[in-house]
């Protein structure tokens, strides 16, 4: 769905993994929205959430990888300034997505009373993420965990996304490394021209459409060797913390930004796989 895709693109999303929801029903979305709205209003009265009036809506957007995937859930919190007119347009202040893209293996092994939506993406104040997450945990007996992305998975993303074709000219591929064991934080940014990175990957990848760990390791080792030749720094002794490409950017803290609609499903499939691996 183009509208769904456009909404996801170019926003910073924080990732979480979620265990299956117990006795969640798509037929009761209005009831859930009403109860969650009351919960947020109560937290505002305690001073634990931002002020101002707001409306909360829960939708079922068109976001699936396969017919076996559970329907995605979109939670949106909007706010209108008390000083503004009644018919003024509301401002979206927080969004959260529950989704499962090509999570067939997990869905097949979950009992009937459970709804499998292992990947949760949040955009907005962390206060609202905490309130919404706590309400879902209490209501559906599930568990939220921040979804960190390991350096190994980031290197896979760098290789996979480097090999993707994009229609228009794009900015450089950037890898950010954190240097350990220093009194003050130090990051090293390594920018590579996208055509050079693609040419390198094409010489390494043996079977188009298939990627092996060995190929990813060779790709990263070549980049490390090139960097050492110029700057005499061993990047293999550092930690890869961020990858930015034309397809998406991802940070080890579990923060992602989608940049290309044509590869959105593929990136969400990878993130679903990571979320499932964390809850199993």
C-alpha atoms as a PDB file:
ATOM      1  CA  UNK A   1       0.000   0.000   0.000  1.00  0.00           C
ATOM      2  CA  UNK A   2       1.658   3.285  -1.125  1.00  0.00           C
ATOM      3  CA  UNK A   3       0.195   5.278   1.771  1.00  0.00           C
ATOM      4  CA  UNK A   4       1.532   2.812   4.328  1.00  0.00           C
ATOM      5  CA  UNK A   5       4.926   2.764   2.625  1.00  0.00           C
ATOM      6  CA  UNK A   6       5.155   6.563   2.509  1.00  0.00           C
ATOM      7  CA  UNK A   7       4.329   6.767   6.213  1.00  0.00           C
ATOM      8  CA  UNK A   8       7.194   4.433   7.137  1.00  0.00           C
ATOM      9  CA  UNK A   9       9.852   6.072   4.970  1.00  0.00           C
ATOM     10  CA  UNK A  10      12.430   8.601   6.216  1.00  0.00           C
ATOM     11  CA  UNK A  11      11.372   8.510   9.859  1.00  0.00           C
ATOM     12  CA  UNK A  12      13.555   7.296  12.703  1.00  0.00           C
ATOM     13  CA  UNK A  13      12.069   4.107  14.180  1.00  0.00           C
ATOM     14  CA  UNK A  14      13.165   2.440  17.410  1.00  0.00           C
ATOM     15  CA  UNK A  15      12.966  -1.357  17.279  1.00  0.00           C
ATOM     16  CA  UNK A  16      11.581  -3.801  19.834  1.00  0.00           C
ATOM     17  CA  UNK A  17      10.891  -7.515  19.858  1.00  0.00           C
ATOM     18  CA  UNK A  18       7.528  -8.657  21.246  1.00  0.00           C
ATOM     19  CA  UNK A  19       6.450 -12.102  22.429  1.00  0.00           C
ATOM     20  CA  UNK A  20       3.068 -13.344  21.085  1.00  0.00           C
ATOM     21  CA  UNK A  21      -0.028 -11.474  22.299  1.00  0.00           C
ATOM     22  CA  UNK A  22      -2.509 -13.595  24.284  1.00  0.00           C
ATOM     23  CA  UNK A  23      -6.170 -13.316  23.250  1.00  0.00           C
ATOM     24  CA  UNK A  24      -5.717 -10.230  21.076  1.00  0.00           C
ATOM     25  CA  UNK A  25      -8.650  -9.722  18.689  1.00  0.00           C
ATOM     26  CA  UNK A  26      -8.724  -7.532  15.584  1.00  0.00           C
ATOM     27  CA  UNK A  27     -12.488  -7.171  16.119  1.00  0.00           C
ATOM     28  CA  UNK A  28     -11.941  -5.251  19.375  1.00  0.00           C
ATOM     29  CA  UNK A  29      -9.673  -2.442  18.136  1.00  0.00           C
ATOM     30  CA  UNK A  30     -12.108   0.292  19.207  1.00  0.00           C
ATOM     31  CA  UNK A  31     -12.276  -1.122  22.732  1.00  0.00           C
ATOM     32  CA  UNK A  32      -8.487  -1.291  22.900  1.00  0.00           C
ATOM     33  CA  UNK A  33      -8.147   2.301  21.660  1.00  0.00           C
ATOM     34  CA  UNK A  34     -10.610   3.515  24.309  1.00  0.00           C
ATOM     35  CA  UNK A  35      -8.859   1.653  27.140  1.00  0.00           C
ATOM     36  CA  UNK A  36      -5.379   2.710  26.025  1.00  0.00           C
ATOM     37  CA  UNK A  37      -6.555   6.340  25.709  1.00  0.00           C
ATOM     38  CA  UNK A  38      -7.810   6.195  29.295  1.00  0.00           C
ATOM     39  CA  UNK A  39      -4.454   4.770  30.421  1.00  0.00           C
ATOM     40  CA  UNK A  40      -2.513   7.581  28.708  1.00  0.00           C
ATOM     41  CA  UNK A  41      -4.894  10.211  30.170  1.00  0.00           C
ATOM     42  CA  UNK A  42      -4.292   8.779  33.651  1.00  0.00           C
ATOM     43  CA  UNK A  43      -0.518   8.937  33.149  1.00  0.00           C
ATOM     44  CA  UNK A  44      -0.849  12.565  32.045  1.00  0.00           C
ATOM     45  CA  UNK A  45      -2.684  13.400  35.261  1.00  0.00           C
ATOM     46  CA  UNK A  46       0.189  11.876  37.214  1.00  0.00           C
ATOM     47  CA  UNK A  47       2.595  14.041  35.225  1.00  0.00           C
ATOM     48  CA  UNK A  48       4.225  11.017  33.598  1.00  0.00           C
ATOM     49  CA  UNK A  49       3.283  12.009  30.029  1.00  0.00           C
ATOM     50  CA  UNK A  50       3.140  15.231  28.007  1.00  0.00           C
ATOM     51  CA  UNK A  51       0.253  17.636  28.446  1.00  0.00           C
ATOM     52  CA  UNK A  52      -2.436  18.644  25.977  1.00  0.00           C
ATOM     53  CA  UNK A  53      -5.497  16.806  24.736  1.00  0.00           C
ATOM     54  CA  UNK A  54      -5.088  13.896  22.376  1.00  0.00           C
ATOM     55  CA  UNK A  55      -6.831  11.170  20.395  1.00  0.00           C
ATOM     56  CA  UNK A  56      -5.631   7.615  20.058  1.00  0.00           C
ATOM     57  CA  UNK A  57      -6.490   5.355  17.126  1.00  0.00           C
ATOM     58  CA  UNK A  58      -5.608   1.732  16.345  1.00  0.00           C
ATOM     59  CA  UNK A  59      -5.700   0.635  12.693  1.00  0.00           C
ATOM     60  CA  UNK A  60      -4.936  -2.449  10.606  1.00  0.00           C
ATOM     61  CA  UNK A  61      -2.705  -1.114   7.784  1.00  0.00           C
ATOM     62  CA  UNK A  62      -1.907  -3.118   4.674  1.00  0.00           C
ATOM     63  CA  UNK A  63       1.513  -4.401   5.720  1.00  0.00           C
ATOM     64  CA  UNK A  64       2.186  -8.111   5.179  1.00  0.00           C
ATOM     65  CA  UNK A  65       4.876 -10.237   3.632  1.00  0.00           C
ATOM     66  CA  UNK A  66       2.714 -13.294   3.002  1.00  0.00           C
ATOM     67  CA  UNK A  67      -0.888 -14.407   3.477  1.00  0.00           C
ATOM     68  CA  UNK A  68       0.150 -16.352   6.583  1.00  0.00           C
ATOM     69  CA  UNK A  69       1.401 -13.215   8.351  1.00  0.00           C
ATOM     70  CA  UNK A  70      -0.848 -11.664  10.996  1.00  0.00           C
ATOM     71  CA  UNK A  71      -2.349  -8.291  10.058  1.00  0.00           C
ATOM     72  CA  UNK A  72      -0.141  -5.416  11.232  1.00  0.00           C
ATOM     73  CA  UNK A  73      -1.375  -3.072  13.974  1.00  0.00           C
ATOM     74  CA  UNK A  74      -0.759   0.674  13.838  1.00  0.00           C
ATOM     75  CA  UNK A  75      -1.220   2.715  17.030  1.00  0.00           C
ATOM     76  CA  UNK A  76      -1.319   6.495  16.531  1.00  0.00           C
ATOM     77  CA  UNK A  77      -1.519   9.228  19.159  1.00  0.00           C
ATOM     78  CA  UNK A  78      -2.524  12.694  17.971  1.00  0.00           C
ATOM     79  CA  UNK A  79      -2.630  15.958  19.882  1.00  0.00           C
ATOM     80  CA  UNK A  80      -4.371  19.296  19.473  1.00  0.00           C
ATOM     81  CA  UNK A  81      -3.323  22.417  21.341  1.00  0.00           C
ATOM     82  CA  UNK A  82      -6.002  23.507  23.867  1.00  0.00           C
ATOM     83  CA  UNK A  83      -5.680  27.065  22.583  1.00  0.00           C
ATOM     84  CA  UNK A  84      -6.461  26.110  18.982  1.00  0.00           C
ATOM     85  CA  UNK A  85      -9.854  25.930  17.360  1.00  0.00           C
ATOM     86  CA  UNK A  86     -12.000  22.820  17.653  1.00  0.00           C
ATOM     87  CA  UNK A  87     -11.849  22.081  13.948  1.00  0.00           C
ATOM     88  CA  UNK A  88      -8.097  22.570  13.685  1.00  0.00           C
ATOM     89  CA  UNK A  89      -6.020  19.712  12.363  1.00  0.00           C
ATOM     90  CA  UNK A  90      -4.505  17.375  14.925  1.00  0.00           C
ATOM     91  CA  UNK A  91      -0.768  16.783  15.055  1.00  0.00           C
ATOM     92  CA  UNK A  92       0.558  13.223  15.094  1.00  0.00           C
ATOM     93  CA  UNK A  93       2.895  12.982  18.109  1.00  0.00           C
ATOM     94  CA  UNK A  94       3.574   9.242  18.406  1.00  0.00           C
ATOM     95  CA  UNK A  95       3.245   6.112  16.252  1.00  0.00           C
ATOM     96  CA  UNK A  96       3.849   2.443  16.927  1.00  0.00           C
ATOM     97  CA  UNK A  97       3.694  -0.561  14.565  1.00  0.00           C
ATOM     98  CA  UNK A  98       3.288  -4.218  15.430  1.00  0.00           C
ATOM     99  CA  UNK A  99       4.107  -6.351  12.408  1.00  0.00           C
ATOM    100  CA  UNK A 100       5.284  -9.711  11.142  1.00  0.00           C
ATOM    101  CA  UNK A 101       6.751  -9.798   7.626  1.00  0.00           C
ATOM    102  CA  UNK A 102       7.415 -13.328   6.336  1.00  0.00           C
ATOM    103  CA  UNK A 103       7.361 -14.690   9.892  1.00  0.00           C
ATOM    104  CA  UNK A 104       5.703 -17.921   8.723  1.00  0.00           C
ATOM    105  CA  UNK A 105       7.852 -20.282  10.821  1.00  0.00           C
ATOM    106  CA  UNK A 106       6.937 -18.574  14.083  1.00  0.00           C
ATOM    107  CA  UNK A 107       3.247 -18.215  13.195  1.00  0.00           C
ATOM    108  CA  UNK A 108       2.934 -21.947  12.465  1.00  0.00           C
ATOM    109  CA  UNK A 109       4.227 -22.904  15.923  1.00  0.00           C
ATOM    110  CA  UNK A 110       2.114 -20.489  17.990  1.00  0.00           C
ATOM    111  CA  UNK A 111      -1.054 -21.763  19.761  1.00  0.00           C
ATOM    112  CA  UNK A 112      -4.433 -20.573  18.491  1.00  0.00           C
ATOM    113  CA  UNK A 113      -5.057 -18.057  21.303  1.00  0.00           C
ATOM    114  CA  UNK A 114      -1.873 -16.130  20.496  1.00  0.00           C
ATOM    115  CA  UNK A 115      -1.245 -13.437  17.878  1.00  0.00           C
ATOM    116  CA  UNK A 116       2.296 -13.381  16.516  1.00  0.00           C
ATOM    117  CA  UNK A 117       3.585  -9.836  15.829  1.00  0.00           C
ATOM    118  CA  UNK A 118       7.244 -10.060  16.902  1.00  0.00           C
ATOM    119  CA  UNK A 119       8.501  -6.733  15.505  1.00  0.00           C
ATOM    120  CA  UNK A 120       7.480  -3.394  17.034  1.00  0.00           C
ATOM    121  CA  UNK A 121       8.622  -0.033  15.658  1.00  0.00           C
ATOM    122  CA  UNK A 122       8.097   3.226  17.561  1.00  0.00           C
ATOM    123  CA  UNK A 123       8.450   6.842  16.423  1.00  0.00           C
ATOM    124  CA  UNK A 124       7.994   9.610  18.972  1.00  0.00           C
ATOM    125  CA  UNK A 125       8.642  10.334  22.649  1.00  0.00           C
ATOM    126  CA  UNK A 126      10.008   7.390  24.619  1.00  0.00           C
ATOM    127  CA  UNK A 127       7.505   8.222  27.383  1.00  0.00           C
ATOM    128  CA  UNK A 128       4.600   7.194  25.145  1.00  0.00           C
ATOM    129  CA  UNK A 129       6.458   4.093  23.974  1.00  0.00           C
ATOM    130  CA  UNK A 130       6.836   3.046  27.606  1.00  0.00           C
ATOM    131  CA  UNK A 131       3.153   3.685  28.424  1.00  0.00           C
ATOM    132  CA  UNK A 132       1.854   1.866  25.339  1.00  0.00           C
ATOM    133  CA  UNK A 133       4.302  -1.002  25.828  1.00  0.00           C
ATOM    134  CA  UNK A 134       3.338  -1.422  29.480  1.00  0.00           C
ATOM    135  CA  UNK A 135      -0.380  -1.436  28.611  1.00  0.00           C
ATOM    136  CA  UNK A 136       0.074  -4.105  25.940  1.00  0.00           C
ATOM    137  CA  UNK A 137       2.206  -6.205  28.297  1.00  0.00           C
ATOM    138  CA  UNK A 138      -0.420  -6.117  31.057  1.00  0.00           C
ATOM    139  CA  UNK A 139      -3.387  -6.591  28.710  1.00  0.00           C
ATOM    140  CA  UNK A 140      -2.031  -9.348  26.461  1.00  0.00           C
ATOM    141  CA  UNK A 141       0.573 -11.018  28.692  1.00  0.00           C
ATOM    142  CA  UNK A 142       3.423 -10.249  26.283  1.00  0.00           C
ATOM    143  CA  UNK A 143       6.943  -8.920  26.782  1.00  0.00           C
ATOM    144  CA  UNK A 144       8.733  -6.029  25.030  1.00  0.00           C
ATOM    145  CA  UNK A 145      12.510  -5.902  24.633  1.00  0.00           C
ATOM    146  CA  UNK A 146      14.697  -3.383  22.834  1.00  0.00           C
ATOM    147  CA  UNK A 147      15.999  -5.007  19.667  1.00  0.00           C
ATOM    148  CA  UNK A 148      19.724  -4.362  19.436  1.00  0.00           C
ATOM    149  CA  UNK A 149      21.537  -5.043  16.153  1.00  0.00           C
ATOM    150  CA  UNK A 150      24.875  -6.823  16.497  1.00  0.00           C
ATOM    151  CA  UNK A 151      28.000  -5.822  14.510  1.00  0.00           C
ATOM    152  CA  UNK A 152      27.658  -9.144  12.659  1.00  0.00           C
ATOM    153  CA  UNK A 153      24.119  -8.293  11.545  1.00  0.00           C
ATOM    154  CA  UNK A 154      25.187  -4.754  10.632  1.00  0.00           C
ATOM    155  CA  UNK A 155      27.923  -6.172   8.387  1.00  0.00           C
ATOM    156  CA  UNK A 156      25.293  -8.353   6.677  1.00  0.00           C
ATOM    157  CA  UNK A 157      23.142  -5.275   6.134  1.00  0.00           C
ATOM    158  CA  UNK A 158      26.108  -3.402   4.656  1.00  0.00           C
ATOM    159  CA  UNK A 159      26.791  -6.220   2.184  1.00  0.00           C
ATOM    160  CA  UNK A 160      23.158  -6.895   1.239  1.00  0.00           C
ATOM    161  CA  UNK A 161      22.185  -3.273   0.808  1.00  0.00           C
ATOM    162  CA  UNK A 162      25.366  -2.478  -1.143  1.00  0.00           C
ATOM    163  CA  UNK A 163      24.312  -5.104  -3.680  1.00  0.00           C
ATOM    164  CA  UNK A 164      20.844  -3.607  -4.216  1.00  0.00           C
ATOM    165  CA  UNK A 165      20.177  -1.587  -7.346  1.00  0.00           C
ATOM    166  CA  UNK A 166      18.682   1.891  -7.000  1.00  0.00           C
ATOM    167  CA  UNK A 167      17.314   4.039  -9.813  1.00  0.00           C
ATOM    168  CA  UNK A 168      18.855   7.398  -8.963  1.00  0.00           C
ATOM    169  CA  UNK A 169      22.229   8.694  -7.803  1.00  0.00           C
ATOM    170  CA  UNK A 170      22.691   8.218  -4.100  1.00  0.00           C
ATOM    171  CA  UNK A 171      25.039   9.419  -1.399  1.00  0.00           C
ATOM    172  CA  UNK A 172      28.052   7.496  -0.172  1.00  0.00           C
ATOM    173  CA  UNK A 173      27.759   4.333   1.886  1.00  0.00           C
ATOM    174  CA  UNK A 174      28.860   5.142   5.424  1.00  0.00           C
ATOM    175  CA  UNK A 175      30.107   2.755   8.095  1.00  0.00           C
ATOM    176  CA  UNK A 176      30.615   4.071  11.622  1.00  0.00           C
ATOM    177  CA  UNK A 177      32.970   2.265  14.023  1.00  0.00           C
ATOM    178  CA  UNK A 178      33.337   2.795  17.763  1.00  0.00           C
ATOM    179  CA  UNK A 179      36.855   2.585  19.207  1.00  0.00           C
ATOM    180  CA  UNK A 180      36.896   0.628  22.500  1.00  0.00           C
ATOM    181  CA  UNK A 181      38.965   1.087  25.680  1.00  0.00           C
ATOM    182  CA  UNK A 182      39.345   4.871  25.449  1.00  0.00           C
ATOM    183  CA  UNK A 183      38.668   7.378  28.259  1.00  0.00           C
ATOM    184  CA  UNK A 184      36.426   9.355  25.894  1.00  0.00           C
ATOM    185  CA  UNK A 185      34.109   7.978  23.155  1.00  0.00           C
ATOM    186  CA  UNK A 186      35.635   8.017  19.685  1.00  0.00           C
ATOM    187  CA  UNK A 187      33.877   7.053  16.455  1.00  0.00           C
ATOM    188  CA  UNK A 188      35.449   6.545  13.033  1.00  0.00           C
ATOM    189  CA  UNK A 189      33.315   7.281   9.975  1.00  0.00           C
ATOM    190  CA  UNK A 190      34.215   5.418   6.765  1.00  0.00           C
ATOM    191  CA  UNK A 191      32.508   6.675   3.585  1.00  0.00           C
ATOM    192  CA  UNK A 192      32.643   4.635   0.374  1.00  0.00           C
ATOM    193  CA  UNK A 193      31.369   5.666  -3.049  1.00  0.00           C
ATOM    194  CA  UNK A 194      28.298   3.472  -3.769  1.00  0.00           C
ATOM    195  CA  UNK A 195      29.532   2.427  -7.217  1.00  0.00           C
ATOM    196  CA  UNK A 196      32.919   1.377  -5.817  1.00  0.00           C
ATOM    197  CA  UNK A 197      31.261  -0.638  -3.039  1.00  0.00           C
ATOM    198  CA  UNK A 198      28.881  -2.264  -5.537  1.00  0.00           C
ATOM    199  CA  UNK A 199      31.763  -3.159  -7.868  1.00  0.00           C
ATOM    200  CA  UNK A 200      33.632  -4.758  -4.970  1.00  0.00           C
ATOM    201  CA  UNK A 201      30.591  -6.740  -3.871  1.00  0.00           C
ATOM    202  CA  UNK A 202      29.944  -7.953  -7.426  1.00  0.00           C
ATOM    203  CA  UNK A 203      33.443  -9.458  -7.544  1.00  0.00           C
ATOM    204  CA  UNK A 204      32.812 -11.292  -4.252  1.00  0.00           C
ATOM    205  CA  UNK A 205      29.237 -12.553  -4.563  1.00  0.00           C
ATOM    206  CA  UNK A 206      29.212 -15.882  -6.365  1.00  0.00           C
ATOM    207  CA  UNK A 207      25.468 -16.477  -6.786  1.00  0.00           C
ATOM    208  CA  UNK A 208      23.169 -13.460  -7.375  1.00  0.00           C
ATOM    209  CA  UNK A 209      20.332 -13.451  -4.851  1.00  0.00           C
ATOM    210  CA  UNK A 210      22.267 -15.607  -2.384  1.00  0.00           C
ATOM    211  CA  UNK A 211      24.662 -14.406   0.301  1.00  0.00           C
ATOM    212  CA  UNK A 212      26.965 -16.437   2.529  1.00  0.00           C
ATOM    213  CA  UNK A 213      28.787 -15.524   5.724  1.00  0.00           C
ATOM    214  CA  UNK A 214      32.080 -16.088   3.928  1.00  0.00           C
ATOM    215  CA  UNK A 215      31.174 -13.502   1.279  1.00  0.00           C
ATOM    216  CA  UNK A 216      30.190 -10.948   3.927  1.00  0.00           C
ATOM    217  CA  UNK A 217      33.481 -11.555   5.765  1.00  0.00           C
ATOM    218  CA  UNK A 218      35.510 -11.119   2.560  1.00  0.00           C
ATOM    219  CA  UNK A 219      33.621  -7.906   1.734  1.00  0.00           C
ATOM    220  CA  UNK A 220      34.315  -6.390   5.166  1.00  0.00           C
ATOM    221  CA  UNK A 221      37.960  -7.576   5.157  1.00  0.00           C
ATOM    222  CA  UNK A 222      38.517  -5.833   1.811  1.00  0.00           C
ATOM    223  CA  UNK A 223      37.095  -2.603   3.221  1.00  0.00           C
ATOM    224  CA  UNK A 224      39.268  -2.948   6.326  1.00  0.00           C
ATOM    225  CA  UNK A 225      42.397  -3.540   4.229  1.00  0.00           C
ATOM    226  CA  UNK A 226      41.711  -0.496   2.052  1.00  0.00           C
ATOM    227  CA  UNK A 227      41.206   1.692   5.133  1.00  0.00           C
ATOM    228  CA  UNK A 228      44.384   0.392   6.778  1.00  0.00           C
ATOM    229  CA  UNK A 229      46.398   1.014   3.635  1.00  0.00           C
ATOM    230  CA  UNK A 230      45.459   4.706   3.751  1.00  0.00           C
ATOM    231  CA  UNK A 231      45.196   5.461   7.473  1.00  0.00           C
ATOM    232  CA  UNK A 232      47.153   2.651   9.228  1.00  0.00           C
ATOM    233  CA  UNK A 233      44.143   1.917  11.463  1.00  0.00           C
ATOM    234  CA  UNK A 234      42.881  -1.636  12.057  1.00  0.00           C
ATOM    235  CA  UNK A 235      39.090  -1.346  11.888  1.00  0.00           C
ATOM    236  CA  UNK A 236      38.863  -5.039  12.804  1.00  0.00           C
ATOM    237  CA  UNK A 237      39.823  -3.967  16.343  1.00  0.00           C
ATOM    238  CA  UNK A 238      36.846  -1.597  16.557  1.00  0.00           C
ATOM    239  CA  UNK A 239      33.097  -2.204  16.765  1.00  0.00           C
ATOM    240  CA  UNK A 240      30.753  -1.550  13.827  1.00  0.00           C
ATOM    241  CA  UNK A 241      27.874   0.521  15.266  1.00  0.00           C
ATOM    242  CA  UNK A 242      26.090   2.044  12.262  1.00  0.00           C
ATOM    243  CA  UNK A 243      25.492   1.355   8.566  1.00  0.00           C
ATOM    244  CA  UNK A 244      24.014   3.939   6.180  1.00  0.00           C
ATOM    245  CA  UNK A 245      23.145   3.083   2.577  1.00  0.00           C
ATOM    246  CA  UNK A 246      20.615   4.139  -0.058  1.00  0.00           C
ATOM    247  CA  UNK A 247      18.295   1.352   1.145  1.00  0.00           C
ATOM    248  CA  UNK A 248      18.232   2.118   4.869  1.00  0.00           C
ATOM    249  CA  UNK A 249      20.358   3.183   7.804  1.00  0.00           C
ATOM    250  CA  UNK A 250      20.647   1.073  10.949  1.00  0.00           C
ATOM    251  CA  UNK A 251      22.293   1.657  14.336  1.00  0.00           C
ATOM    252  CA  UNK A 252      23.382  -0.987  16.828  1.00  0.00           C
ATOM    253  CA  UNK A 253      21.034   0.508  19.455  1.00  0.00           C
ATOM    254  CA  UNK A 254      18.092  -0.720  17.382  1.00  0.00           C
ATOM    255  CA  UNK A 255      17.301   2.453  15.451  1.00  0.00           C
ATOM    256  CA  UNK A 256      16.445   2.293  11.751  1.00  0.00           C
ATOM    257  CA  UNK A 257      15.408   4.599   8.941  1.00  0.00           C
ATOM    258  CA  UNK A 258      13.853   3.211   5.740  1.00  0.00           C
ATOM    259  CA  UNK A 259      14.873   5.110   2.600  1.00  0.00           C
ATOM    260  CA  UNK A 260      13.666   3.073  -0.414  1.00  0.00           C
ATOM    261  CA  UNK A 261      10.082   1.873  -0.832  1.00  0.00           C
ATOM    262  CA  UNK A 262      11.012  -0.927  -3.251  1.00  0.00           C
ATOM    263  CA  UNK A 263      13.163  -2.657  -0.599  1.00  0.00           C
ATOM    264  CA  UNK A 264      10.936  -1.951   2.409  1.00  0.00           C
ATOM    265  CA  UNK A 265       9.488  -5.469   2.586  1.00  0.00           C
ATOM    266  CA  UNK A 266      12.951  -7.035   2.432  1.00  0.00           C
ATOM    267  CA  UNK A 267      14.276  -4.870   5.273  1.00  0.00           C
ATOM    268  CA  UNK A 268      11.201  -5.567   7.413  1.00  0.00           C
ATOM    269  CA  UNK A 269      11.619  -9.297   6.726  1.00  0.00           C
ATOM    270  CA  UNK A 270      15.202  -9.134   8.039  1.00  0.00           C
ATOM    271  CA  UNK A 271      14.112  -7.186  11.133  1.00  0.00           C
ATOM    272  CA  UNK A 272      11.272  -9.666  11.750  1.00  0.00           C
ATOM    273  CA  UNK A 273      13.841 -12.472  11.627  1.00  0.00           C
ATOM    274  CA  UNK A 274      16.044 -10.667  14.170  1.00  0.00           C
ATOM    275  CA  UNK A 275      13.047 -10.043  16.446  1.00  0.00           C
ATOM    276  CA  UNK A 276      12.017 -13.711  16.293  1.00  0.00           C
ATOM    277  CA  UNK A 277      15.577 -14.869  17.087  1.00  0.00           C
ATOM    278  CA  UNK A 278      15.556 -12.692  20.217  1.00  0.00           C
ATOM    279  CA  UNK A 279      12.287 -14.042  21.636  1.00  0.00           C
ATOM    280  CA  UNK A 280      12.901 -17.731  20.919  1.00  0.00           C
END
